N, C-alpha and C. Protein backbone atom coordinates (compact mmCIF):
# COMPACT_ATOMS: atom_id res chain seq x y z
N MET A 1 36.88 12.79 7.64
CA MET A 1 35.09 13.23 8.42
C MET A 1 34.96 12.05 7.80
N ALA A 2 33.63 11.68 8.58
CA ALA A 2 33.24 10.33 7.88
C ALA A 2 32.09 10.45 6.85
N PRO A 3 32.16 9.98 5.58
CA PRO A 3 30.74 9.96 4.73
C PRO A 3 29.65 9.78 5.28
N ASP A 4 28.75 10.68 4.42
CA ASP A 4 27.51 10.50 4.44
C ASP A 4 26.88 8.88 4.54
N ARG A 5 26.20 8.73 5.14
CA ARG A 5 25.17 7.54 5.07
C ARG A 5 23.60 7.46 4.88
N PRO A 6 23.20 6.95 3.66
CA PRO A 6 22.23 7.70 3.54
C PRO A 6 21.18 6.96 4.81
N THR A 7 19.91 7.98 4.46
CA THR A 7 19.34 7.61 5.52
C THR A 7 18.26 6.69 5.33
N ARG A 8 17.89 6.05 6.10
CA ARG A 8 17.12 4.68 5.71
C ARG A 8 15.67 5.62 6.01
N SER A 9 14.51 5.07 4.49
CA SER A 9 13.39 5.18 4.85
C SER A 9 12.43 5.02 5.90
N PRO A 10 11.75 5.56 6.49
CA PRO A 10 10.54 5.14 7.84
C PRO A 10 9.49 3.99 6.21
N ARG A 11 9.94 3.47 7.33
CA ARG A 11 9.00 1.72 6.98
C ARG A 11 7.85 1.71 7.81
N LEU A 12 6.88 0.92 7.18
CA LEU A 12 5.35 0.77 7.67
C LEU A 12 5.60 -0.73 8.68
N GLU A 13 4.71 -0.84 9.92
CA GLU A 13 5.14 -1.70 10.58
C GLU A 13 5.14 -2.99 10.12
N PRO A 14 5.46 -4.12 10.56
CA PRO A 14 5.43 -5.39 10.06
C PRO A 14 3.78 -6.10 9.76
N GLU A 15 3.31 -5.60 10.83
CA GLU A 15 1.70 -5.91 11.09
C GLU A 15 0.88 -5.31 9.47
N THR A 16 0.89 -4.33 9.79
CA THR A 16 0.64 -2.89 8.78
C THR A 16 0.87 -3.90 7.12
N GLU A 17 1.76 -4.04 7.19
CA GLU A 17 2.05 -4.86 5.58
C GLU A 17 1.52 -6.41 5.60
N GLN A 18 1.64 -6.83 6.42
CA GLN A 18 1.01 -8.10 6.83
C GLN A 18 -0.56 -7.83 6.08
N SER A 19 -1.15 -7.08 6.65
CA SER A 19 -2.38 -6.95 6.90
C SER A 19 -2.39 -6.02 5.32
N LEU A 20 -2.10 -5.32 4.96
CA LEU A 20 -2.57 -4.97 3.48
C LEU A 20 -2.02 -5.77 2.10
N ARG A 21 -1.01 -6.28 2.74
CA ARG A 21 -0.67 -8.15 1.54
C ARG A 21 -1.80 -8.59 1.76
N ALA A 22 -2.08 -9.35 3.01
CA ALA A 22 -4.03 -10.13 2.61
C ALA A 22 -4.66 -9.32 1.93
N LEU A 23 -5.33 -8.10 2.47
CA LEU A 23 -5.99 -7.53 1.73
C LEU A 23 -5.94 -7.41 0.11
N LEU A 24 -4.57 -7.37 -0.48
CA LEU A 24 -4.81 -7.16 -1.51
C LEU A 24 -4.55 -7.93 -2.97
N ALA A 25 -4.21 -9.18 -1.96
CA ALA A 25 -4.21 -10.41 -2.52
C ALA A 25 -5.76 -10.95 -2.36
N ARG A 26 -6.74 -11.14 -1.39
CA ARG A 26 -8.08 -11.04 -1.66
C ARG A 26 -8.45 -10.14 -2.67
N ALA A 27 -8.24 -8.90 -2.98
CA ALA A 27 -8.85 -8.18 -3.89
C ALA A 27 -8.48 -8.94 -5.37
N LEU A 28 -6.70 -9.25 -5.55
CA LEU A 28 -7.09 -9.71 -6.60
C LEU A 28 -7.43 -10.96 -6.75
N HIS A 29 -7.94 -11.51 -6.04
CA HIS A 29 -8.59 -12.79 -5.88
C HIS A 29 -9.90 -13.11 -6.51
N ASP A 30 -10.50 -12.12 -5.56
CA ASP A 30 -12.03 -11.44 -5.63
C ASP A 30 -12.16 -10.59 -7.22
N GLY A 31 -11.38 -10.10 -7.50
CA GLY A 31 -10.95 -9.07 -8.72
C GLY A 31 -11.77 -7.53 -8.38
N ASN A 32 -11.89 -7.46 -6.74
CA ASN A 32 -12.52 -5.66 -6.61
C ASN A 32 -11.55 -6.17 -5.09
N HIS A 33 -11.57 -4.14 -4.42
CA HIS A 33 -11.61 -4.10 -2.93
C HIS A 33 -12.04 -4.41 -1.84
N VAL A 34 -11.91 -5.11 -1.09
CA VAL A 34 -12.75 -6.19 -0.37
C VAL A 34 -13.28 -4.29 1.03
N PRO A 35 -14.39 -4.31 1.66
CA PRO A 35 -14.75 -3.40 2.38
C PRO A 35 -13.62 -2.63 3.40
N GLU A 36 -12.81 -4.54 3.85
CA GLU A 36 -11.70 -3.44 4.99
C GLU A 36 -10.58 -2.99 4.62
N LEU A 37 -10.53 -2.27 3.29
CA LEU A 37 -9.54 -2.19 2.95
C LEU A 37 -9.64 -0.94 3.49
N HIS A 38 -10.80 -0.07 3.33
CA HIS A 38 -10.65 1.31 3.68
C HIS A 38 -10.43 1.80 4.69
N ASP A 39 -10.96 0.68 5.89
CA ASP A 39 -9.98 0.77 7.45
C ASP A 39 -8.55 0.76 7.42
N ALA A 40 -8.15 0.08 6.43
CA ALA A 40 -6.55 -0.44 6.62
C ALA A 40 -5.48 0.60 6.07
N LEU A 41 -6.61 1.22 4.99
CA LEU A 41 -6.13 2.21 4.71
C LEU A 41 -6.07 4.09 5.48
N CYS A 42 -6.74 3.57 6.34
CA CYS A 42 -6.92 4.94 7.06
C CYS A 42 -5.96 4.97 8.80
N SER A 43 -5.63 3.54 8.81
CA SER A 43 -4.55 2.85 10.05
C SER A 43 -3.02 3.40 9.33
N THR A 44 -3.12 2.47 7.79
CA THR A 44 -1.86 2.86 7.37
C THR A 44 -1.11 4.16 6.85
N ALA A 45 -2.20 5.31 6.85
CA ALA A 45 -2.31 6.15 6.22
C ALA A 45 -1.50 7.35 8.02
N ASP A 46 -2.57 7.15 8.75
CA ASP A 46 -2.36 7.79 10.40
C ASP A 46 -1.17 7.20 10.68
N GLU A 47 -0.61 6.28 10.48
CA GLU A 47 0.67 5.17 10.44
C GLU A 47 1.76 5.82 9.99
N ALA A 48 1.49 6.63 9.06
CA ALA A 48 2.15 6.61 8.01
C ALA A 48 2.55 8.53 8.26
N ARG A 49 1.81 8.99 8.77
CA ARG A 49 1.70 10.53 8.98
C ARG A 49 2.64 10.63 9.99
N SER A 50 2.14 10.16 11.24
CA SER A 50 2.65 9.54 12.54
C SER A 50 4.61 9.33 12.54
N LYS A 51 4.84 8.40 11.21
CA LYS A 51 6.20 8.32 11.31
C LYS A 51 7.58 9.37 10.46
N GLY A 52 6.40 10.02 9.58
CA GLY A 52 6.63 11.12 8.97
C GLY A 52 7.12 10.64 7.29
N ILE A 53 6.05 9.95 6.95
CA ILE A 53 6.12 9.09 6.02
C ILE A 53 5.27 10.18 5.26
N GLN A 54 6.46 10.30 3.79
CA GLN A 54 5.09 11.21 2.81
C GLN A 54 4.54 10.26 2.48
N ALA A 55 3.45 11.50 1.65
CA ALA A 55 2.71 10.80 0.56
C ALA A 55 3.15 9.73 -0.54
N GLU A 56 4.17 10.20 -1.16
CA GLU A 56 4.78 9.89 -2.27
C GLU A 56 5.61 8.29 -1.47
N GLN A 57 6.14 8.64 -0.54
CA GLN A 57 6.90 7.08 0.14
C GLN A 57 5.79 6.27 0.55
N LEU A 58 4.50 6.50 0.87
CA LEU A 58 3.76 5.21 1.20
C LEU A 58 3.20 4.51 -0.01
N LEU A 59 3.25 6.12 -1.16
CA LEU A 59 2.38 5.37 -2.56
C LEU A 59 3.62 4.15 -2.62
N ILE A 60 4.73 4.62 -2.48
CA ILE A 60 6.09 3.93 -3.21
C ILE A 60 5.83 2.76 -2.21
N LEU A 61 5.54 2.82 -0.95
CA LEU A 61 5.56 1.13 -0.29
C LEU A 61 4.61 0.59 -0.74
N LEU A 62 3.26 0.82 -0.66
CA LEU A 62 2.31 0.73 -1.47
C LEU A 62 2.70 -0.35 -2.68
N LYS A 63 2.71 0.04 -3.01
CA LYS A 63 2.49 -0.24 -4.75
C LYS A 63 4.02 -1.55 -4.99
N ASP A 64 4.85 -1.08 -3.86
CA ASP A 64 6.50 -2.46 -3.39
C ASP A 64 5.55 -3.56 -2.96
N ILE A 65 4.88 -3.80 -1.88
CA ILE A 65 3.69 -4.08 -1.69
C ILE A 65 2.89 -5.17 -2.78
N TRP A 66 2.34 -4.26 -3.61
CA TRP A 66 1.32 -4.43 -4.86
C TRP A 66 1.98 -5.49 -5.01
N PHE A 67 3.69 -5.41 -5.75
CA PHE A 67 4.09 -6.15 -6.69
C PHE A 67 4.65 -7.07 -6.80
N SER A 68 4.82 -7.12 -5.21
CA SER A 68 5.66 -8.36 -4.48
C SER A 68 4.42 -9.87 -3.74
N LEU A 69 2.76 -9.80 -4.80
CA LEU A 69 1.91 -10.43 -4.56
C LEU A 69 2.12 -11.69 -5.17
N PRO A 70 2.02 -12.84 -4.94
CA PRO A 70 2.38 -14.07 -5.68
C PRO A 70 1.07 -14.27 -6.37
N GLU A 71 -0.23 -13.75 -5.95
CA GLU A 71 -1.39 -13.54 -6.92
C GLU A 71 -1.71 -12.65 -8.01
N LEU A 72 -0.46 -11.91 -8.07
CA LEU A 72 -0.84 -11.17 -9.08
C LEU A 72 -0.49 -11.96 -10.44
N ALA A 73 0.64 -12.67 -10.50
CA ALA A 73 0.97 -13.52 -11.19
C ALA A 73 -0.10 -14.46 -11.71
N ARG A 74 -1.06 -14.63 -11.01
CA ARG A 74 -2.30 -15.56 -11.29
C ARG A 74 -3.40 -14.74 -10.71
N ALA A 75 -3.37 -13.37 -11.62
CA ALA A 75 -5.31 -12.26 -11.39
C ALA A 75 -5.62 -12.89 -13.27
N ARG A 76 -6.65 -12.94 -12.79
CA ARG A 76 -7.11 -13.12 -14.20
C ARG A 76 -6.74 -12.44 -15.73
N SER A 77 -6.80 -11.04 -15.07
CA SER A 77 -6.24 -9.90 -16.12
C SER A 77 -5.73 -8.95 -15.75
N SER A 78 -4.53 -8.39 -16.77
CA SER A 78 -4.06 -7.33 -16.86
C SER A 78 -4.50 -5.32 -16.00
N GLU A 79 -5.72 -6.08 -17.00
CA GLU A 79 -6.72 -4.56 -17.08
C GLU A 79 -7.31 -4.58 -15.61
N MET A 80 -7.95 -6.19 -14.82
CA MET A 80 -8.53 -5.72 -13.82
C MET A 80 -7.44 -5.47 -12.37
N GLN A 81 -5.98 -5.99 -13.19
CA GLN A 81 -4.93 -5.46 -12.09
C GLN A 81 -4.66 -3.72 -11.85
N ASN A 82 -4.27 -3.41 -13.56
CA ASN A 82 -4.37 -2.09 -13.30
C ASN A 82 -5.54 -1.30 -13.01
N GLU A 83 -6.94 -2.13 -12.97
CA GLU A 83 -7.74 -1.03 -12.06
C GLU A 83 -7.46 -1.00 -10.94
N LEU A 84 -7.53 -2.44 -10.06
CA LEU A 84 -7.56 -1.81 -8.64
C LEU A 84 -6.05 -1.77 -8.40
N LEU A 85 -5.16 -1.77 -8.80
CA LEU A 85 -3.79 -0.67 -8.76
C LEU A 85 -4.13 0.86 -8.79
N GLN A 86 -4.57 1.49 -9.84
CA GLN A 86 -5.71 2.78 -9.56
C GLN A 86 -6.24 2.90 -8.93
N GLN A 87 -6.80 1.87 -8.73
CA GLN A 87 -8.32 2.59 -7.08
C GLN A 87 -7.64 2.43 -5.89
N LEU A 88 -5.99 1.50 -5.58
CA LEU A 88 -5.60 1.45 -4.18
C LEU A 88 -4.70 3.07 -4.15
N ILE A 89 -3.95 3.48 -5.52
CA ILE A 89 -3.70 5.02 -5.02
C ILE A 89 -4.48 5.31 -4.67
N SER A 90 -5.80 5.46 -5.66
CA SER A 90 -6.35 6.78 -4.91
C SER A 90 -7.52 6.83 -4.18
N ARG A 91 -7.80 5.56 -3.18
CA ARG A 91 -7.73 5.87 -2.45
C ARG A 91 -6.47 5.78 -0.90
N CYS A 92 -5.65 5.51 -1.38
CA CYS A 92 -4.17 6.03 -0.29
C CYS A 92 -3.63 7.42 -0.45
N ILE A 93 -4.40 7.68 -1.29
CA ILE A 93 -3.87 9.54 -1.40
C ILE A 93 -5.54 9.87 -0.60
N GLN A 94 -6.24 9.60 -1.48
CA GLN A 94 -7.84 10.72 -0.01
C GLN A 94 -7.49 9.79 1.15
N GLN A 95 -6.63 9.15 1.60
CA GLN A 95 -6.95 8.57 3.05
C GLN A 95 -5.79 9.63 3.83
N TYR A 96 -4.66 9.98 3.41
CA TYR A 96 -3.36 10.47 4.02
C TYR A 96 -4.05 11.70 4.20
N TYR A 97 -4.36 12.72 3.04
CA TYR A 97 -4.93 13.40 3.26
C TYR A 97 -6.11 14.05 3.42
N ALA A 98 -6.87 13.34 4.23
CA ALA A 98 -8.32 13.17 4.53
C ALA A 98 -7.79 13.54 6.10
N GLU A 99 -7.28 13.57 6.86
CA GLU A 99 -7.28 14.37 8.42
C GLU A 99 -5.88 15.69 8.18
């Protein structure tokens, strides 16, 4: 019997990741989330639900995007970074369970 292969976690579409990456980079630059983030998180949550991505998995994907941003190293303060990340997480959870 062949060994079980680990299953790949579903991923967001590359376009979704690119859009989120751009919006989050702007947030780091500006020091606050842009209004377009709401719509992006709505469509991201819809996509995640349709692909069977659980809320916890979606949060991990968003945090991976967040921590991969080169702008994070250039951000003004770690306090601002933490606040933006907490807001992102809260908004993501709200949108995921909104439907």
